[in-house]
């Protein structure tokens, strides 16, 4: 016969916390996952900015090259 276990509560920071608090705490993502998500959120807009600027510069160079070819 299988036994069914359930949270009653637990000690956190020296205080007794109820089962709901322990379940909420257990469902939080790990520190590594939170750091990874934060770094992605910081990197994504910067990467987009760099990509846009790179495309602007390369497009400008192509236009200058076409103007040079047209004049020669």
PDB file of N, CA and C in Angstrom:
ATOM      1  N   UNK A   1       0.846  -1.175   0.000  1.00  0.00           N
ATOM      2  CA  UNK A   1       0.000   0.000   0.000  1.00  0.00           C
ATOM      3  C   UNK A   1       0.897   1.246   0.000  1.00  0.00           C
ATOM      4  N   UNK A   2       0.805   2.080  -1.036  1.00  0.00           N
ATOM      5  CA  UNK A   2       1.661   3.277  -1.099  1.00  0.00           C
ATOM      6  C   UNK A   2       1.206   4.337  -0.090  1.00  0.00           C
ATOM      7  N   UNK A   3       2.193   5.027   0.433  1.00  0.00           N
ATOM      8  CA  UNK A   3       1.912   6.094   1.388  1.00  0.00           C
ATOM      9  C   UNK A   3       1.873   7.426   0.676  1.00  0.00           C
ATOM     10  N   UNK A   4       1.006   8.271   1.119  1.00  0.00           N
ATOM     11  CA  UNK A   4       0.908   9.606   0.538  1.00  0.00           C
ATOM     12  C   UNK A   4       1.497  10.607   1.530  1.00  0.00           C
ATOM     13  N   UNK A   5       2.553  11.298   1.077  1.00  0.00           N
ATOM     14  CA  UNK A   5       3.196  12.297   1.926  1.00  0.00           C
ATOM     15  C   UNK A   5       2.710  13.685   1.542  1.00  0.00           C
ATOM     16  N   UNK A   6       2.620  14.545   2.524  1.00  0.00           N
ATOM     17  CA  UNK A   6       2.240  15.921   2.247  1.00  0.00           C
ATOM     18  C   UNK A   6       3.056  16.853   3.137  1.00  0.00           C
ATOM     19  N   UNK A   7       3.242  18.084   2.658  1.00  0.00           N
ATOM     20  CA  UNK A   7       3.962  19.096   3.438  1.00  0.00           C
ATOM     21  C   UNK A   7       3.097  19.552   4.601  1.00  0.00           C
ATOM     22  N   UNK A   8       3.713  19.684   5.731  1.00  0.00           N
ATOM     23  CA  UNK A   8       3.045  20.274   6.879  1.00  0.00           C
ATOM     24  C   UNK A   8       3.588  21.682   7.076  1.00  0.00           C
ATOM     25  N   UNK A   9       4.860  21.836   6.787  1.00  0.00           N
ATOM     26  CA  UNK A   9       5.530  23.112   6.929  1.00  0.00           C
ATOM     27  C   UNK A   9       7.010  22.873   7.086  1.00  0.00           C
ATOM     28  N   UNK A  10       7.717  23.900   7.466  1.00  0.00           N
ATOM     29  CA  UNK A  10       9.147  23.756   7.665  1.00  0.00           C
ATOM     30  C   UNK A  10       9.743  25.025   8.242  1.00  0.00           C
ATOM     31  N   UNK A  11      10.972  24.896   8.683  1.00  0.00           N
ATOM     32  CA  UNK A  11      11.683  26.050   9.237  1.00  0.00           C
ATOM     33  C   UNK A  11      12.446  26.763   8.120  1.00  0.00           C
ATOM     34  N   UNK A  12      12.296  28.064   8.068  1.00  0.00           N
ATOM     35  CA  UNK A  12      13.026  28.886   7.114  1.00  0.00           C
ATOM     36  C   UNK A  12      13.407  30.177   7.808  1.00  0.00           C
ATOM     37  N   UNK A  13      14.684  30.490   7.807  1.00  0.00           N
ATOM     38  CA  UNK A  13      15.215  31.668   8.501  1.00  0.00           C
ATOM     39  C   UNK A  13      14.850  31.647   9.986  1.00  0.00           C
ATOM     40  N   UNK A  14      14.863  30.475  10.569  1.00  0.00           N
ATOM     41  CA  UNK A  14      14.601  30.353  11.999  1.00  0.00           C
ATOM     42  C   UNK A  14      13.149  30.499  12.395  1.00  0.00           C
ATOM     43  N   UNK A  15      12.242  30.538  11.420  1.00  0.00           N
ATOM     44  CA  UNK A  15      10.807  30.665  11.717  1.00  0.00           C
ATOM     45  C   UNK A  15      10.066  29.489  11.107  1.00  0.00           C
ATOM     46  N   UNK A  16       8.996  29.090  11.756  1.00  0.00           N
ATOM     47  CA  UNK A  16       8.143  28.033  11.216  1.00  0.00           C
ATOM     48  C   UNK A  16       7.274  28.632  10.115  1.00  0.00           C
ATOM     49  N   UNK A  17       7.300  28.003   8.968  1.00  0.00           N
ATOM     50  CA  UNK A  17       6.490  28.453   7.830  1.00  0.00           C
ATOM     51  C   UNK A  17       5.496  27.350   7.482  1.00  0.00           C
ATOM     52  N   UNK A  18       4.322  27.752   7.021  1.00  0.00           N
ATOM     53  CA  UNK A  18       3.294  26.776   6.682  1.00  0.00           C
ATOM     54  C   UNK A  18       3.620  26.062   5.363  1.00  0.00           C
ATOM     55  N   UNK A  19       2.808  25.074   5.044  1.00  0.00           N
ATOM     56  CA  UNK A  19       3.042  24.238   3.868  1.00  0.00           C
ATOM     57  C   UNK A  19       2.998  25.049   2.576  1.00  0.00           C
ATOM     58  N   UNK A  20       2.112  26.019   2.488  1.00  0.00           N
ATOM     59  CA  UNK A  20       1.985  26.826   1.275  1.00  0.00           C
ATOM     60  C   UNK A  20       3.273  27.614   1.007  1.00  0.00           C
ATOM     61  N   UNK A  21       3.879  28.153   2.057  1.00  0.00           N
ATOM     62  CA  UNK A  21       5.131  28.893   1.936  1.00  0.00           C
ATOM     63  C   UNK A  21       6.251  27.968   1.449  1.00  0.00           C
ATOM     64  N   UNK A  22       6.323  26.782   2.011  1.00  0.00           N
ATOM     65  CA  UNK A  22       7.362  25.820   1.625  1.00  0.00           C
ATOM     66  C   UNK A  22       7.176  25.402   0.165  1.00  0.00           C
ATOM     67  N   UNK A  23       5.942  25.160  -0.260  1.00  0.00           N
ATOM     68  CA  UNK A  23       5.682  24.785  -1.659  1.00  0.00           C
ATOM     69  C   UNK A  23       6.062  25.918  -2.604  1.00  0.00           C
ATOM     70  N   UNK A  24       5.734  27.156  -2.229  1.00  0.00           N
ATOM     71  CA  UNK A  24       6.086  28.312  -3.058  1.00  0.00           C
ATOM     72  C   UNK A  24       7.588  28.458  -3.163  1.00  0.00           C
ATOM     73  N   UNK A  25       8.280  28.306  -2.059  1.00  0.00           N
ATOM     74  CA  UNK A  25       9.733  28.403  -2.037  1.00  0.00           C
ATOM     75  C   UNK A  25      10.369  27.301  -2.883  1.00  0.00           C
ATOM     76  N   UNK A  26       9.823  26.098  -2.822  1.00  0.00           N
ATOM     77  CA  UNK A  26      10.365  24.970  -3.578  1.00  0.00           C
ATOM     78  C   UNK A  26      10.135  25.132  -5.079  1.00  0.00           C
ATOM     79  N   UNK A  27       9.113  25.885  -5.471  1.00  0.00           N
ATOM     80  CA  UNK A  27       8.808  26.036  -6.896  1.00  0.00           C
ATOM     81  C   UNK A  27       9.588  27.162  -7.563  1.00  0.00           C
ATOM     82  N   UNK A  28      10.357  27.934  -6.788  1.00  0.00           N
ATOM     83  CA  UNK A  28      11.153  29.009  -7.380  1.00  0.00           C
ATOM     84  C   UNK A  28      12.272  28.433  -8.239  1.00  0.00           C
ATOM     85  N   UNK A  29      12.628  29.117  -9.349  1.00  0.00           N
ATOM     86  CA  UNK A  29      13.733  28.631 -10.180  1.00  0.00           C
ATOM     87  C   UNK A  29      15.068  28.761  -9.445  1.00  0.00           C
ATOM     88  N   UNK A  30      16.042  28.012  -9.902  1.00  0.00           N
ATOM     89  CA  UNK A  30      17.354  28.038  -9.267  1.00  0.00           C
ATOM     90  C   UNK A  30      18.064  29.364  -9.552  1.00  0.00           C
ATOM     91  N   UNK A  31      19.088  29.633  -8.783  1.00  0.00           N
ATOM     92  CA  UNK A  31      19.869  30.864  -8.957  1.00  0.00           C
ATOM     93  C   UNK A  31      20.482  30.910 -10.352  1.00  0.00           C
ATOM     94  N   UNK A  32      21.021  29.779 -10.822  1.00  0.00           N
ATOM     95  CA  UNK A  32      21.638  29.734 -12.142  1.00  0.00           C
ATOM     96  C   UNK A  32      20.627  30.050 -13.240  1.00  0.00           C
ATOM     97  N   UNK A  33      19.409  29.537 -13.104  1.00  0.00           N
ATOM     98  CA  UNK A  33      18.372  29.799 -14.099  1.00  0.00           C
ATOM     99  C   UNK A  33      17.981  31.281 -14.098  1.00  0.00           C
ATOM    100  N   UNK A  34      17.848  31.870 -12.920  1.00  0.00           N
ATOM    101  CA  UNK A  34      17.504  33.291 -12.836  1.00  0.00           C
ATOM    102  C   UNK A  34      18.608  34.168 -13.417  1.00  0.00           C
ATOM    103  N   UNK A  35      19.863  33.832 -13.134  1.00  0.00           N
ATOM    104  CA  UNK A  35      20.982  34.604 -13.686  1.00  0.00           C
ATOM    105  C   UNK A  35      21.002  34.477 -15.205  1.00  0.00           C
ATOM    106  N   UNK A  36      20.776  33.273 -15.708  1.00  0.00           N
ATOM    107  CA  UNK A  36      20.735  33.058 -17.159  1.00  0.00           C
ATOM    108  C   UNK A  36      19.637  33.867 -17.827  1.00  0.00           C
ATOM    109  N   UNK A  37      18.467  33.894 -17.223  1.00  0.00           N
ATOM    110  CA  UNK A  37      17.359  34.674 -17.788  1.00  0.00           C
ATOM    111  C   UNK A  37      17.669  36.167 -17.760  1.00  0.00           C
ATOM    112  N   UNK A  38      18.286  36.624 -16.674  1.00  0.00           N
ATOM    113  CA  UNK A  38      18.642  38.037 -16.567  1.00  0.00           C
ATOM    114  C   UNK A  38      19.662  38.419 -17.637  1.00  0.00           C
ATOM    115  N   UNK A  39      20.689  37.597 -17.806  1.00  0.00           N
ATOM    116  CA  UNK A  39      21.714  37.901 -18.810  1.00  0.00           C
ATOM    117  C   UNK A  39      21.130  37.895 -20.215  1.00  0.00           C
ATOM    118  N   UNK A  40      20.204  36.987 -20.490  1.00  0.00           N
ATOM    119  CA  UNK A  40      19.552  36.967 -21.798  1.00  0.00           C
ATOM    120  C   UNK A  40      18.757  38.253 -22.019  1.00  0.00           C
ATOM    121  N   UNK A  41      18.048  38.697 -20.968  1.00  0.00           N
ATOM    122  CA  UNK A  41      17.254  39.923 -21.090  1.00  0.00           C
ATOM    123  C   UNK A  41      18.144  41.142 -21.328  1.00  0.00           C
ATOM    124  N   UNK A  42      19.347  41.141 -20.776  1.00  0.00           N
ATOM    125  CA  UNK A  42      20.274  42.253 -20.978  1.00  0.00           C
ATOM    126  C   UNK A  42      20.914  42.157 -22.360  1.00  0.00           C
ATOM    127  N   UNK A  43      21.270  40.945 -22.769  1.00  0.00           N
ATOM    128  CA  UNK A  43      21.993  40.738 -24.025  1.00  0.00           C
ATOM    129  C   UNK A  43      21.115  40.957 -25.256  1.00  0.00           C
ATOM    130  N   UNK A  44      19.872  40.533 -25.213  1.00  0.00           N
ATOM    131  CA  UNK A  44      19.007  40.556 -26.393  1.00  0.00           C
ATOM    132  C   UNK A  44      18.861  41.952 -27.003  1.00  0.00           C
ATOM    133  N   UNK A  45      18.518  42.995 -26.235  1.00  0.00           N
ATOM    134  CA  UNK A  45      18.402  44.322 -26.856  1.00  0.00           C
ATOM    135  C   UNK A  45      19.748  44.838 -27.371  1.00  0.00           C
ATOM    136  N   UNK A  46      20.823  44.547 -26.656  1.00  0.00           N
ATOM    137  CA  UNK A  46      22.145  44.990 -27.107  1.00  0.00           C
ATOM    138  C   UNK A  46      22.529  44.301 -28.411  1.00  0.00           C
ATOM    139  N   UNK A  47      22.215  43.023 -28.520  1.00  0.00           N
ATOM    140  CA  UNK A  47      22.519  42.288 -29.739  1.00  0.00           C
ATOM    141  C   UNK A  47      21.723  42.849 -30.914  1.00  0.00           C
ATOM    142  N   UNK A  48      20.466  43.189 -30.685  1.00  0.00           N
ATOM    143  CA  UNK A  48      19.663  43.798 -31.736  1.00  0.00           C
ATOM    144  C   UNK A  48      20.213  45.142 -32.168  1.00  0.00           C
ATOM    145  N   UNK A  49      20.662  45.937 -31.215  1.00  0.00           N
ATOM    146  CA  UNK A  49      21.241  47.247 -31.518  1.00  0.00           C
ATOM    147  C   UNK A  49      22.499  47.097 -32.358  1.00  0.00           C
ATOM    148  N   UNK A  50      23.356  46.163 -31.987  1.00  0.00           N
ATOM    149  CA  UNK A  50      24.593  45.928 -32.741  1.00  0.00           C
ATOM    150  C   UNK A  50      24.277  45.440 -34.151  1.00  0.00           C
ATOM    151  N   UNK A  51      23.305  44.563 -34.287  1.00  0.00           N
ATOM    152  CA  UNK A  51      22.928  44.044 -35.602  1.00  0.00           C
ATOM    153  C   UNK A  51      22.407  45.152 -36.502  1.00  0.00           C
ATOM    154  N   UNK A  52      21.549  46.007 -35.957  1.00  0.00           N
ATOM    155  CA  UNK A  52      21.003  47.114 -36.750  1.00  0.00           C
ATOM    156  C   UNK A  52      22.126  48.047 -37.190  1.00  0.00           C
ATOM    157  N   UNK A  53      23.019  48.402 -36.278  1.00  0.00           N
ATOM    158  CA  UNK A  53      24.125  49.292 -36.632  1.00  0.00           C
ATOM    159  C   UNK A  53      25.046  48.647 -37.651  1.00  0.00           C
ATOM    160  N   UNK A  54      25.286  47.364 -37.526  1.00  0.00           N
ATOM    161  CA  UNK A  54      26.137  46.653 -38.478  1.00  0.00           C
ATOM    162  C   UNK A  54      25.514  46.683 -39.868  1.00  0.00           C
ATOM    163  N   UNK A  55      24.204  46.459 -39.942  1.00  0.00           N
ATOM    164  CA  UNK A  55      23.522  46.495 -41.235  1.00  0.00           C
ATOM    165  C   UNK A  55      23.525  47.896 -41.826  1.00  0.00           C
ATOM    166  N   UNK A  56      23.380  48.926 -41.003  1.00  0.00           N
ATOM    167  CA  UNK A  56      23.425  50.292 -41.505  1.00  0.00           C
ATOM    168  C   UNK A  56      24.781  50.614 -42.101  1.00  0.00           C
ATOM    169  N   UNK A  57      25.836  50.239 -41.400  1.00  0.00           N
ATOM    170  CA  UNK A  57      27.187  50.532 -41.867  1.00  0.00           C
ATOM    171  C   UNK A  57      27.492  49.764 -43.142  1.00  0.00           C
ATOM    172  N   UNK A  58      27.150  48.473 -43.190  1.00  0.00           N
ATOM    173  CA  UNK A  58      27.437  47.692 -44.395  1.00  0.00           C
ATOM    174  C   UNK A  58      26.597  48.190 -45.564  1.00  0.00           C
ATOM    175  N   UNK A  59      25.365  48.589 -45.311  1.00  0.00           N
ATOM    176  CA  UNK A  59      24.535  49.160 -46.384  1.00  0.00           C
ATOM    177  C   UNK A  59      25.111  50.453 -46.904  1.00  0.00           C
ATOM    178  N   UNK A  60      25.611  51.297 -46.022  1.00  0.00           N
ATOM    179  CA  UNK A  60      26.231  52.560 -46.426  1.00  0.00           C
ATOM    180  C   UNK A  60      27.471  52.305 -47.272  1.00  0.00           C
ATOM    181  N   UNK A  61      28.266  51.334 -46.883  1.00  0.00           N
ATOM    182  CA  UNK A  61      29.474  50.992 -47.651  1.00  0.00           C
ATOM    183  C   UNK A  61      29.096  50.470 -49.029  1.00  0.00           C
ATOM    184  N   UNK A  62      28.041  49.658 -49.126  1.00  0.00           N
ATOM    185  CA  UNK A  62      27.601  49.162 -50.437  1.00  0.00           C
ATOM    186  C   UNK A  62      27.134  50.294 -51.340  1.00  0.00           C
ATOM    187  N   UNK A  63      26.429  51.264 -50.760  1.00  0.00           N
ATOM    188  CA  UNK A  63      25.968  52.407 -51.554  1.00  0.00           C
ATOM    189  C   UNK A  63      27.167  53.199 -52.065  1.00  0.00           C
ATOM    190  N   UNK A  64      28.140  53.432 -51.210  1.00  0.00           N
ATOM    191  CA  UNK A  64      29.339  54.149 -51.637  1.00  0.00           C
ATOM    192  C   UNK A  64      30.079  53.383 -52.730  1.00  0.00           C
ATOM    193  N   UNK A  65      30.149  52.073 -52.609  1.00  0.00           N
ATOM    194  CA  UNK A  65      30.806  51.247 -53.613  1.00  0.00           C
ATOM    195  C   UNK A  65      30.062  51.318 -54.955  1.00  0.00           C
ATOM    196  N   UNK A  66      28.735  51.307 -54.894  1.00  0.00           N
ATOM    197  CA  UNK A  66      27.949  51.411 -56.141  1.00  0.00           C
ATOM    198  C   UNK A  66      28.140  52.775 -56.781  1.00  0.00           C
ATOM    199  N   UNK A  67      28.212  53.830 -55.979  1.00  0.00           N
ATOM    200  CA  UNK A  67      28.446  55.165 -56.518  1.00  0.00           C
ATOM    201  C   UNK A  67      29.817  55.213 -57.178  1.00  0.00           C
ATOM    202  N   UNK A  68      30.803  54.615 -56.541  1.00  0.00           N
ATOM    203  CA  UNK A  68      32.162  54.587 -57.100  1.00  0.00           C
ATOM    204  C   UNK A  68      32.185  53.842 -58.432  1.00  0.00           C
ATOM    205  N   UNK A  69      31.500  52.687 -58.513  1.00  0.00           N
ATOM    206  CA  UNK A  69      31.461  51.912 -59.755  1.00  0.00           C
ATOM    207  C   UNK A  69      30.728  52.661 -60.862  1.00  0.00           C
ATOM    208  N   UNK A  70      29.708  53.392 -60.494  1.00  0.00           N
ATOM    209  CA  UNK A  70      28.923  54.134 -61.480  1.00  0.00           C
ATOM    210  C   UNK A  70      29.752  55.265 -62.089  1.00  0.00           C
ATOM    211  N   UNK A  71      30.592  55.909 -61.286  1.00  0.00           N
ATOM    212  CA  UNK A  71      31.406  57.024 -61.758  1.00  0.00           C
ATOM    213  C   UNK A  71      32.568  56.546 -62.614  1.00  0.00           C
ATOM    214  N   UNK A  72      33.010  55.298 -62.457  1.00  0.00           N
ATOM    215  CA  UNK A  72      34.171  54.865 -63.240  1.00  0.00           C
ATOM    216  C   UNK A  72      33.801  54.193 -64.527  1.00  0.00           C
TER     217      UNK A  72
END
